[in-house]
All heavy atoms as atom14 arrays in JSON, in Angstrom:
{
  "sequence": "KEYLMGEVVVSALRGIDLDIRRGEFLAIIGPSGSGKSTLLNIIGG",
  "atom14_mask": [
    [1, 1, 1, 1, 1, 1, 1, 1, 1, 0, 0, 0, 0, 0],
    [1, 1, 1, 1, 1, 1, 1, 1, 1, 0, 0, 0, 0, 0],
    [1, 1, 1, 1, 1, 1, 1, 1, 1, 1, 1, 1, 0, 0],
    [1, 1, 1, 1, 1, 1, 1, 1, 0, 0, 0, 0, 0, 0],
    [1, 1, 1, 1, 1, 1, 1, 1, 0, 0, 0, 0, 0, 0],
    [1, 1, 1, 1, 0, 0, 0, 0, 0, 0, 0, 0, 0, 0],
    [1, 1, 1, 1, 1, 1, 1, 1, 1, 0, 0, 0, 0, 0],
    [1, 1, 1, 1, 1, 1, 1, 0, 0, 0, 0, 0, 0, 0],
    [1, 1, 1, 1, 1, 1, 1, 0, 0, 0, 0, 0, 0, 0],
    [1, 1, 1, 1, 1, 1, 1, 0, 0, 0, 0, 0, 0, 0],
    [1, 1, 1, 1, 1, 1, 0, 0, 0, 0, 0, 0, 0, 0],
    [1, 1, 1, 1, 1, 0, 0, 0, 0, 0, 0, 0, 0, 0],
    [1, 1, 1, 1, 1, 1, 1, 1, 0, 0, 0, 0, 0, 0],
    [1, 1, 1, 1, 1, 1, 1, 1, 1, 1, 1, 0, 0, 0],
    [1, 1, 1, 1, 0, 0, 0, 0, 0, 0, 0, 0, 0, 0],
    [1, 1, 1, 1, 1, 1, 1, 1, 0, 0, 0, 0, 0, 0],
    [1, 1, 1, 1, 1, 1, 1, 1, 0, 0, 0, 0, 0, 0],
    [1, 1, 1, 1, 1, 1, 1, 1, 0, 0, 0, 0, 0, 0],
    [1, 1, 1, 1, 1, 1, 1, 1, 0, 0, 0, 0, 0, 0],
    [1, 1, 1, 1, 1, 1, 1, 1, 0, 0, 0, 0, 0, 0],
    [1, 1, 1, 1, 1, 1, 1, 1, 1, 1, 1, 0, 0, 0],
    [1, 1, 1, 1, 1, 1, 1, 1, 1, 1, 1, 0, 0, 0],
    [1, 1, 1, 1, 0, 0, 0, 0, 0, 0, 0, 0, 0, 0],
    [1, 1, 1, 1, 1, 1, 1, 1, 1, 0, 0, 0, 0, 0],
    [1, 1, 1, 1, 1, 1, 1, 1, 1, 1, 1, 0, 0, 0],
    [1, 1, 1, 1, 1, 1, 1, 1, 0, 0, 0, 0, 0, 0],
    [1, 1, 1, 1, 1, 0, 0, 0, 0, 0, 0, 0, 0, 0],
    [1, 1, 1, 1, 1, 1, 1, 1, 0, 0, 0, 0, 0, 0],
    [1, 1, 1, 1, 1, 1, 1, 1, 0, 0, 0, 0, 0, 0],
    [1, 1, 1, 1, 0, 0, 0, 0, 0, 0, 0, 0, 0, 0],
    [1, 1, 1, 1, 1, 1, 1, 0, 0, 0, 0, 0, 0, 0],
    [1, 1, 1, 1, 1, 1, 0, 0, 0, 0, 0, 0, 0, 0],
    [1, 1, 1, 1, 0, 0, 0, 0, 0, 0, 0, 0, 0, 0],
    [1, 1, 1, 1, 1, 1, 0, 0, 0, 0, 0, 0, 0, 0],
    [1, 1, 1, 1, 0, 0, 0, 0, 0, 0, 0, 0, 0, 0],
    [1, 1, 1, 1, 1, 1, 1, 1, 1, 0, 0, 0, 0, 0],
    [1, 1, 1, 1, 1, 1, 0, 0, 0, 0, 0, 0, 0, 0],
    [1, 1, 1, 1, 1, 1, 1, 0, 0, 0, 0, 0, 0, 0],
    [1, 1, 1, 1, 1, 1, 1, 1, 0, 0, 0, 0, 0, 0],
    [1, 1, 1, 1, 1, 1, 1, 1, 0, 0, 0, 0, 0, 0],
    [1, 1, 1, 1, 1, 1, 1, 1, 0, 0, 0, 0, 0, 0],
    [1, 1, 1, 1, 1, 1, 1, 1, 0, 0, 0, 0, 0, 0],
    [1, 1, 1, 1, 1, 1, 1, 1, 0, 0, 0, 0, 0, 0],
    [1, 1, 1, 1, 0, 0, 0, 0, 0, 0, 0, 0, 0, 0],
    [1, 1, 1, 1, 0, 0, 0, 0, 0, 0, 0, 0, 0, 0]
  ],
  "atom14_positions": [
    [[-10.32, 29.51, 8.71], [-10.33, 30.87, 8.18], [-10.28, 31.84, 9.35], [-11.13, 31.79, 10.26], [-11.58, 31.13, 7.33], [-11.61, 32.55, 6.75], [-10.5, 32.8, 5.75], [-10.55, 34.19, 5.17], [-9.49, 34.45, 4.18], [0.0, 0.0, 0.0], [0.0, 0.0, 0.0], [0.0, 0.0, 0.0], [0.0, 0.0, 0.0], [0.0, 0.0, 0.0]],
    [[-9.28, 32.72, 9.32], [-9.13, 33.73, 10.35], [-9.11, 35.12, 9.72], [-8.56, 35.3, 8.63], [-7.83, 33.51, 11.14], [-7.81, 32.19, 11.9], [-6.49, 31.92, 12.58], [-5.5, 32.62, 12.23], [-6.43, 31.01, 13.43], [0.0, 0.0, 0.0], [0.0, 0.0, 0.0], [0.0, 0.0, 0.0], [0.0, 0.0, 0.0], [0.0, 0.0, 0.0]],
    [[-9.74, 36.05, 10.39], [-9.76, 37.44, 9.95], [-9.09, 38.29, 11.03], [-9.24, 38.03, 12.22], [-11.19, 37.94, 9.75], [-11.96, 37.23, 8.67], [-12.84, 36.21, 8.99], [-11.81, 37.59, 7.33], [-13.57, 35.55, 8.0], [-12.52, 36.94, 6.33], [-13.4, 35.93, 6.68], [-14.11, 35.29, 5.7], [0.0, 0.0, 0.0], [0.0, 0.0, 0.0]],
    [[-8.38, 39.31, 10.58], [-7.77, 40.25, 11.52], [-8.66, 41.49, 11.59], [-8.86, 42.18, 10.6], [-6.36, 40.64, 11.04], [-5.48, 41.39, 12.05], [-5.24, 40.54, 13.29], [-4.17, 41.79, 11.41], [0.0, 0.0, 0.0], [0.0, 0.0, 0.0], [0.0, 0.0, 0.0], [0.0, 0.0, 0.0], [0.0, 0.0, 0.0], [0.0, 0.0, 0.0]],
    [[-9.21, 41.73, 12.78], [-10.06, 42.91, 13.0], [-9.34, 43.8, 14.0], [-9.37, 43.55, 15.2], [-11.44, 42.49, 13.51], [-12.19, 41.61, 12.52], [-13.87, 41.19, 13.06], [-14.65, 42.8, 12.96], [0.0, 0.0, 0.0], [0.0, 0.0, 0.0], [0.0, 0.0, 0.0], [0.0, 0.0, 0.0], [0.0, 0.0, 0.0], [0.0, 0.0, 0.0]],
    [[-8.64, 44.79, 13.46], [-7.78, 45.6, 14.31], [-6.61, 44.75, 14.77], [-5.86, 44.23, 13.94], [0.0, 0.0, 0.0], [0.0, 0.0, 0.0], [0.0, 0.0, 0.0], [0.0, 0.0, 0.0], [0.0, 0.0, 0.0], [0.0, 0.0, 0.0], [0.0, 0.0, 0.0], [0.0, 0.0, 0.0], [0.0, 0.0, 0.0], [0.0, 0.0, 0.0]],
    [[-6.48, 44.55, 16.06], [-5.43, 43.69, 16.58], [-5.97, 42.36, 17.05], [-5.25, 41.56, 17.65], [-4.72, 44.41, 17.75], [-3.99, 45.68, 17.33], [-3.27, 46.34, 18.49], [-3.41, 45.83, 19.62], [-2.57, 47.34, 18.26], [0.0, 0.0, 0.0], [0.0, 0.0, 0.0], [0.0, 0.0, 0.0], [0.0, 0.0, 0.0], [0.0, 0.0, 0.0]],
    [[-7.25, 42.13, 16.78], [-7.91, 40.9, 17.24], [-8.05, 39.92, 16.08], [-8.5, 40.29, 14.99], [-9.31, 41.21, 17.83], [-10.0, 39.92, 18.28], [-9.19, 42.19, 18.98], [0.0, 0.0, 0.0], [0.0, 0.0, 0.0], [0.0, 0.0, 0.0], [0.0, 0.0, 0.0], [0.0, 0.0, 0.0], [0.0, 0.0, 0.0], [0.0, 0.0, 0.0]],
    [[-7.65, 38.66, 16.31], [-7.82, 37.59, 15.31], [-9.16, 36.9, 15.57], [-9.41, 36.39, 16.67], [-6.67, 36.56, 15.38], [-6.93, 35.42, 14.41], [-5.34, 37.25, 15.06], [0.0, 0.0, 0.0], [0.0, 0.0, 0.0], [0.0, 0.0, 0.0], [0.0, 0.0, 0.0], [0.0, 0.0, 0.0], [0.0, 0.0, 0.0], [0.0, 0.0, 0.0]],
    [[-10.02, 36.89, 14.57], [-11.33, 36.25, 14.66], [-11.3, 34.97, 13.84], [-10.96, 35.0, 12.65], [-12.45, 37.18, 14.15], [-13.79, 36.46, 14.19], [-12.49, 38.45, 14.98], [0.0, 0.0, 0.0], [0.0, 0.0, 0.0], [0.0, 0.0, 0.0], [0.0, 0.0, 0.0], [0.0, 0.0, 0.0], [0.0, 0.0, 0.0], [0.0, 0.0, 0.0]],
    [[-11.64, 33.85, 14.46], [-11.65, 32.56, 13.76], [-13.07, 32.26, 13.28], [-13.97, 32.01, 14.09], [-11.19, 31.44, 14.7], [-9.83, 31.6, 15.04], [0.0, 0.0, 0.0], [0.0, 0.0, 0.0], [0.0, 0.0, 0.0], [0.0, 0.0, 0.0], [0.0, 0.0, 0.0], [0.0, 0.0, 0.0], [0.0, 0.0, 0.0], [0.0, 0.0, 0.0]],
    [[-13.26, 32.31, 11.95], [-14.58, 32.02, 11.38], [-14.78, 30.53, 11.17], [-15.88, 30.0, 11.36], [-14.73, 32.75, 10.05], [0.0, 0.0, 0.0], [0.0, 0.0, 0.0], [0.0, 0.0, 0.0], [0.0, 0.0, 0.0], [0.0, 0.0, 0.0], [0.0, 0.0, 0.0], [0.0, 0.0, 0.0], [0.0, 0.0, 0.0], [0.0, 0.0, 0.0]],
    [[-13.71, 29.83, 10.77], [-13.75, 28.37, 10.6], [-12.6, 27.78, 11.39], [-11.47, 28.25, 11.31], [-13.63, 27.99, 9.11], [-14.73, 28.51, 8.18], [-14.43, 28.11, 6.74], [-16.11, 28.01, 8.6], [0.0, 0.0, 0.0], [0.0, 0.0, 0.0], [0.0, 0.0, 0.0], [0.0, 0.0, 0.0], [0.0, 0.0, 0.0], [0.0, 0.0, 0.0]],
    [[-12.89, 26.69, 12.11], [-11.9, 26.14, 13.05], [-11.61, 24.67, 12.76], [-11.66, 23.83, 13.64], [-12.4, 26.29, 14.48], [-12.75, 27.71, 14.9], [-13.48, 27.71, 16.22], [-13.94, 29.04, 16.6], [-13.31, 29.83, 17.47], [-12.2, 29.43, 18.05], [-13.8, 31.0, 17.77], [0.0, 0.0, 0.0], [0.0, 0.0, 0.0], [0.0, 0.0, 0.0]],
    [[-11.34, 24.35, 11.51], [-10.98, 22.98, 11.17], [-12.16, 22.17, 10.67], [-12.6, 21.22, 11.32], [0.0, 0.0, 0.0], [0.0, 0.0, 0.0], [0.0, 0.0, 0.0], [0.0, 0.0, 0.0], [0.0, 0.0, 0.0], [0.0, 0.0, 0.0], [0.0, 0.0, 0.0], [0.0, 0.0, 0.0], [0.0, 0.0, 0.0], [0.0, 0.0, 0.0]],
    [[-12.7, 22.54, 9.51], [-13.87, 21.87, 8.94], [-13.41, 20.72, 8.04], [-12.58, 20.9, 7.16], [-14.72, 22.85, 8.1], [-15.25, 23.99, 8.97], [-15.86, 22.12, 7.39], [-16.41, 23.66, 9.84], [0.0, 0.0, 0.0], [0.0, 0.0, 0.0], [0.0, 0.0, 0.0], [0.0, 0.0, 0.0], [0.0, 0.0, 0.0], [0.0, 0.0, 0.0]],
    [[-13.99, 19.54, 8.26], [-13.83, 18.39, 7.36], [-15.22, 18.03, 6.85], [-16.14, 17.81, 7.64], [-13.23, 17.19, 8.1], [-11.81, 17.45, 8.58], [-10.98, 17.85, 7.75], [-11.54, 17.23, 9.78], [0.0, 0.0, 0.0], [0.0, 0.0, 0.0], [0.0, 0.0, 0.0], [0.0, 0.0, 0.0], [0.0, 0.0, 0.0], [0.0, 0.0, 0.0]],
    [[-15.36, 17.97, 5.51], [-16.68, 17.74, 4.94], [-16.56, 17.27, 3.49], [-15.74, 17.79, 2.74], [-17.49, 19.05, 4.97], [-18.89, 19.04, 4.36], [-19.82, 18.14, 5.15], [-19.44, 20.46, 4.28], [0.0, 0.0, 0.0], [0.0, 0.0, 0.0], [0.0, 0.0, 0.0], [0.0, 0.0, 0.0], [0.0, 0.0, 0.0], [0.0, 0.0, 0.0]],
    [[-17.38, 16.29, 3.13], [-17.54, 15.9, 1.73], [-18.89, 16.37, 1.23], [-19.89, 16.31, 1.96], [-17.46, 14.37, 1.57], [-16.06, 13.82, 1.78], [-15.11, 14.62, 1.75], [-15.93, 12.6, 1.99], [0.0, 0.0, 0.0], [0.0, 0.0, 0.0], [0.0, 0.0, 0.0], [0.0, 0.0, 0.0], [0.0, 0.0, 0.0], [0.0, 0.0, 0.0]],
    [[-18.93, 16.83, -0.01], [-20.19, 17.17, -0.68], [-20.32, 16.24, -1.86], [-19.43, 16.19, -2.72], [-20.21, 18.64, -1.13], [-20.07, 19.58, 0.09], [-21.52, 18.95, -1.87], [-19.95, 21.04, -0.28], [0.0, 0.0, 0.0], [0.0, 0.0, 0.0], [0.0, 0.0, 0.0], [0.0, 0.0, 0.0], [0.0, 0.0, 0.0], [0.0, 0.0, 0.0]],
    [[-21.41, 15.49, -1.91], [-21.56, 14.43, -2.9], [-22.27, 14.93, -4.15], [-23.11, 15.82, -4.11], [-22.35, 13.27, -2.28], [-21.67, 12.69, -1.05], [-22.58, 11.77, -0.28], [-21.94, 11.27, 0.93], [-22.57, 10.59, 1.88], [-23.87, 10.35, 1.75], [-21.91, 10.18, 2.94], [0.0, 0.0, 0.0], [0.0, 0.0, 0.0], [0.0, 0.0, 0.0]],
    [[-21.93, 14.3, -5.25], [-22.57, 14.64, -6.53], [-24.07, 14.36, -6.46], [-24.51, 13.3, -6.04], [-21.97, 13.81, -7.66], [-20.51, 14.11, -7.95], [-19.99, 13.25, -9.1], [-18.56, 13.45, -9.27], [-18.03, 14.44, -9.98], [-18.82, 15.3, -10.59], [-16.72, 14.56, -10.1], [0.0, 0.0, 0.0], [0.0, 0.0, 0.0], [0.0, 0.0, 0.0]],
    [[-24.85, 15.36, -6.88], [-26.29, 15.17, -7.01], [-27.08, 15.26, -5.72], [-28.3, 15.07, -5.74], [0.0, 0.0, 0.0], [0.0, 0.0, 0.0], [0.0, 0.0, 0.0], [0.0, 0.0, 0.0], [0.0, 0.0, 0.0], [0.0, 0.0, 0.0], [0.0, 0.0, 0.0], [0.0, 0.0, 0.0], [0.0, 0.0, 0.0], [0.0, 0.0, 0.0]],
    [[-26.44, 15.56, -4.6], [-27.2, 15.61, -3.35], [-27.76, 17.0, -3.1], [-27.33, 18.0, -3.67], [-26.33, 15.17, -2.17], [-25.33, 16.18, -1.66], [-24.66, 15.75, -0.35], [-25.3, 15.02, 0.45], [-23.48, 16.11, -0.15], [0.0, 0.0, 0.0], [0.0, 0.0, 0.0], [0.0, 0.0, 0.0], [0.0, 0.0, 0.0], [0.0, 0.0, 0.0]],
    [[-28.75, 17.04, -2.21], [-29.3, 18.29, -1.68], [-28.82, 18.36, -0.25], [-29.25, 17.59, 0.61], [-30.83, 18.27, -1.76], [-31.49, 19.59, -1.47], [-32.1, 20.31, -2.49], [-31.52, 20.12, -0.19], [-32.73, 21.53, -2.24], [-32.14, 21.32, 0.08], [-32.75, 22.03, -0.94], [0.0, 0.0, 0.0], [0.0, 0.0, 0.0], [0.0, 0.0, 0.0]],
    [[-27.9, 19.28, 0.02], [-27.25, 19.4, 1.32], [-27.67, 20.69, 1.99], [-27.62, 21.76, 1.37], [-25.73, 19.36, 1.14], [-24.88, 19.52, 2.41], [-24.98, 18.28, 3.28], [-23.41, 19.76, 2.03], [0.0, 0.0, 0.0], [0.0, 0.0, 0.0], [0.0, 0.0, 0.0], [0.0, 0.0, 0.0], [0.0, 0.0, 0.0], [0.0, 0.0, 0.0]],
    [[-28.09, 20.6, 3.24], [-28.4, 21.8, 4.02], [-27.3, 22.02, 5.05], [-26.91, 21.08, 5.75], [-29.75, 21.65, 4.72], [0.0, 0.0, 0.0], [0.0, 0.0, 0.0], [0.0, 0.0, 0.0], [0.0, 0.0, 0.0], [0.0, 0.0, 0.0], [0.0, 0.0, 0.0], [0.0, 0.0, 0.0], [0.0, 0.0, 0.0], [0.0, 0.0, 0.0]],
    [[-26.77, 23.24, 5.09], [-25.79, 23.62, 6.11], [-26.47, 24.65, 7.0], [-26.83, 25.74, 6.56], [-24.51, 24.18, 5.48], [-23.86, 23.12, 4.58], [-23.54, 24.63, 6.57], [-22.61, 23.6, 3.87], [0.0, 0.0, 0.0], [0.0, 0.0, 0.0], [0.0, 0.0, 0.0], [0.0, 0.0, 0.0], [0.0, 0.0, 0.0], [0.0, 0.0, 0.0]],
    [[-26.67, 24.26, 8.26], [-27.51, 25.03, 9.18], [-26.69, 25.52, 10.36], [-25.81, 24.8, 10.86], [-28.69, 24.16, 9.65], [-29.6, 23.84, 8.46], [-29.48, 24.83, 10.77], [-30.7, 22.85, 8.76], [0.0, 0.0, 0.0], [0.0, 0.0, 0.0], [0.0, 0.0, 0.0], [0.0, 0.0, 0.0], [0.0, 0.0, 0.0], [0.0, 0.0, 0.0]],
    [[-26.97, 26.72, 10.79], [-26.31, 27.25, 11.97], [-26.71, 28.68, 12.19], [-27.2, 29.36, 11.28], [0.0, 0.0, 0.0], [0.0, 0.0, 0.0], [0.0, 0.0, 0.0], [0.0, 0.0, 0.0], [0.0, 0.0, 0.0], [0.0, 0.0, 0.0], [0.0, 0.0, 0.0], [0.0, 0.0, 0.0], [0.0, 0.0, 0.0], [0.0, 0.0, 0.0]],
    [[-26.51, 29.19, 13.39], [-26.85, 30.59, 13.69], [-25.88, 31.55, 13.02], [-24.83, 31.15, 12.49], [-26.73, 30.65, 15.22], [-25.71, 29.59, 15.56], [-25.93, 28.5, 14.56], [0.0, 0.0, 0.0], [0.0, 0.0, 0.0], [0.0, 0.0, 0.0], [0.0, 0.0, 0.0], [0.0, 0.0, 0.0], [0.0, 0.0, 0.0], [0.0, 0.0, 0.0]],
    [[-26.2, 32.82, 13.07], [-25.29, 33.85, 12.56], [-23.95, 33.74, 13.28], [-23.91, 33.55, 14.5], [-25.87, 35.25, 12.79], [-27.04, 35.42, 12.03], [0.0, 0.0, 0.0], [0.0, 0.0, 0.0], [0.0, 0.0, 0.0], [0.0, 0.0, 0.0], [0.0, 0.0, 0.0], [0.0, 0.0, 0.0], [0.0, 0.0, 0.0], [0.0, 0.0, 0.0]],
    [[-22.86, 33.84, 12.52], [-21.53, 33.76, 13.12], [-20.99, 32.35, 13.24], [-19.87, 32.17, 13.75], [0.0, 0.0, 0.0], [0.0, 0.0, 0.0], [0.0, 0.0, 0.0], [0.0, 0.0, 0.0], [0.0, 0.0, 0.0], [0.0, 0.0, 0.0], [0.0, 0.0, 0.0], [0.0, 0.0, 0.0], [0.0, 0.0, 0.0], [0.0, 0.0, 0.0]],
    [[-21.74, 31.35, 12.77], [-21.27, 29.96, 12.89], [-20.28, 29.58, 11.79], [-19.66, 28.52, 11.87], [-22.46, 28.99, 12.88], [-23.2, 29.11, 11.68], [0.0, 0.0, 0.0], [0.0, 0.0, 0.0], [0.0, 0.0, 0.0], [0.0, 0.0, 0.0], [0.0, 0.0, 0.0], [0.0, 0.0, 0.0], [0.0, 0.0, 0.0], [0.0, 0.0, 0.0]],
    [[-20.16, 30.42, 10.74], [-19.2, 30.14, 9.67], [-19.82, 29.68, 8.37], [-19.1, 29.33, 7.43], [0.0, 0.0, 0.0], [0.0, 0.0, 0.0], [0.0, 0.0, 0.0], [0.0, 0.0, 0.0], [0.0, 0.0, 0.0], [0.0, 0.0, 0.0], [0.0, 0.0, 0.0], [0.0, 0.0, 0.0], [0.0, 0.0, 0.0], [0.0, 0.0, 0.0]],
    [[-21.15, 29.7, 8.28], [-21.84, 29.17, 7.1], [-21.43, 29.89, 5.81], [-21.03, 29.26, 4.83], [-23.37, 29.28, 7.26], [-23.95, 28.62, 8.47], [-25.47, 28.67, 8.46], [-26.07, 30.05, 8.32], [-25.76, 30.95, 9.46], [0.0, 0.0, 0.0], [0.0, 0.0, 0.0], [0.0, 0.0, 0.0], [0.0, 0.0, 0.0], [0.0, 0.0, 0.0]],
    [[-21.57, 31.21, 5.82], [-21.27, 31.98, 4.61], [-19.8, 31.92, 4.26], [-19.43, 31.87, 3.08], [-21.71, 33.44, 4.77], [-23.12, 33.53, 4.85], [0.0, 0.0, 0.0], [0.0, 0.0, 0.0], [0.0, 0.0, 0.0], [0.0, 0.0, 0.0], [0.0, 0.0, 0.0], [0.0, 0.0, 0.0], [0.0, 0.0, 0.0], [0.0, 0.0, 0.0]],
    [[-18.94, 31.92, 5.27], [-17.5, 31.81, 5.01], [-17.18, 30.5, 4.31], [-16.42, 30.46, 3.34], [-16.71, 31.91, 6.33], [-17.03, 33.15, 6.97], [-15.22, 31.83, 6.08], [0.0, 0.0, 0.0], [0.0, 0.0, 0.0], [0.0, 0.0, 0.0], [0.0, 0.0, 0.0], [0.0, 0.0, 0.0], [0.0, 0.0, 0.0], [0.0, 0.0, 0.0]],
    [[-17.76, 29.41, 4.8], [-17.56, 28.1, 4.18], [-18.04, 28.11, 2.73], [-17.34, 27.64, 1.82], [-18.29, 27.03, 4.98], [-18.25, 25.6, 4.42], [-16.83, 25.09, 4.28], [-19.08, 24.66, 5.3], [0.0, 0.0, 0.0], [0.0, 0.0, 0.0], [0.0, 0.0, 0.0], [0.0, 0.0, 0.0], [0.0, 0.0, 0.0], [0.0, 0.0, 0.0]],
    [[-19.23, 28.67, 2.51], [-19.79, 28.71, 1.15], [-18.9, 29.54, 0.23], [-18.65, 29.15, -0.92], [-21.19, 29.3, 1.21], [-22.12, 28.92, 0.05], [-22.6, 27.49, 0.23], [-23.32, 29.85, -0.01], [0.0, 0.0, 0.0], [0.0, 0.0, 0.0], [0.0, 0.0, 0.0], [0.0, 0.0, 0.0], [0.0, 0.0, 0.0], [0.0, 0.0, 0.0]],
    [[-18.42, 30.66, 0.71], [-17.59, 31.54, -0.12], [-16.26, 30.88, -0.5], [-15.74, 31.1, -1.6], [-17.33, 32.86, 0.59], [-18.57, 33.73, 0.66], [-19.53, 33.54, -0.09], [-18.58, 34.68, 1.58], [0.0, 0.0, 0.0], [0.0, 0.0, 0.0], [0.0, 0.0, 0.0], [0.0, 0.0, 0.0], [0.0, 0.0, 0.0], [0.0, 0.0, 0.0]],
    [[-15.7, 30.09, 0.4], [-14.44, 29.4, 0.08], [-14.68, 28.29, -0.93], [-13.93, 28.13, -1.9], [-13.79, 28.86, 1.37], [-13.29, 30.03, 2.23], [-12.63, 27.93, 1.04], [-12.77, 29.62, 3.6], [0.0, 0.0, 0.0], [0.0, 0.0, 0.0], [0.0, 0.0, 0.0], [0.0, 0.0, 0.0], [0.0, 0.0, 0.0], [0.0, 0.0, 0.0]],
    [[-15.76, 27.53, -0.75], [-16.1, 26.48, -1.73], [-16.35, 27.1, -3.1], [-15.96, 26.55, -4.13], [-17.35, 25.7, -1.26], [-17.0, 24.85, -0.03], [-17.88, 24.79, -2.38], [-18.21, 24.21, 0.63], [0.0, 0.0, 0.0], [0.0, 0.0, 0.0], [0.0, 0.0, 0.0], [0.0, 0.0, 0.0], [0.0, 0.0, 0.0], [0.0, 0.0, 0.0]],
    [[-16.99, 28.28, -3.11], [-17.32, 28.93, -4.36], [-16.19, 29.71, -5.0], [-16.36, 30.3, -6.07], [0.0, 0.0, 0.0], [0.0, 0.0, 0.0], [0.0, 0.0, 0.0], [0.0, 0.0, 0.0], [0.0, 0.0, 0.0], [0.0, 0.0, 0.0], [0.0, 0.0, 0.0], [0.0, 0.0, 0.0], [0.0, 0.0, 0.0], [0.0, 0.0, 0.0]],
    [[-15.02, 29.73, -4.35], [-13.88, 30.43, -4.93], [-13.94, 31.93, -4.77], [-13.19, 32.66, -5.43], [0.0, 0.0, 0.0], [0.0, 0.0, 0.0], [0.0, 0.0, 0.0], [0.0, 0.0, 0.0], [0.0, 0.0, 0.0], [0.0, 0.0, 0.0], [0.0, 0.0, 0.0], [0.0, 0.0, 0.0], [0.0, 0.0, 0.0], [0.0, 0.0, 0.0]]
  ]
}
């Protein structure tokens, strides 16, 4: 996922591969700017 901020391209996600299993409790951890919310928003449509 890339965003255009003015003339600058910002890469929020840089090639994520991940499976989410049925019935699991999964924690996705990382500092601000690591891409957590972007990943969640794409999974959530």
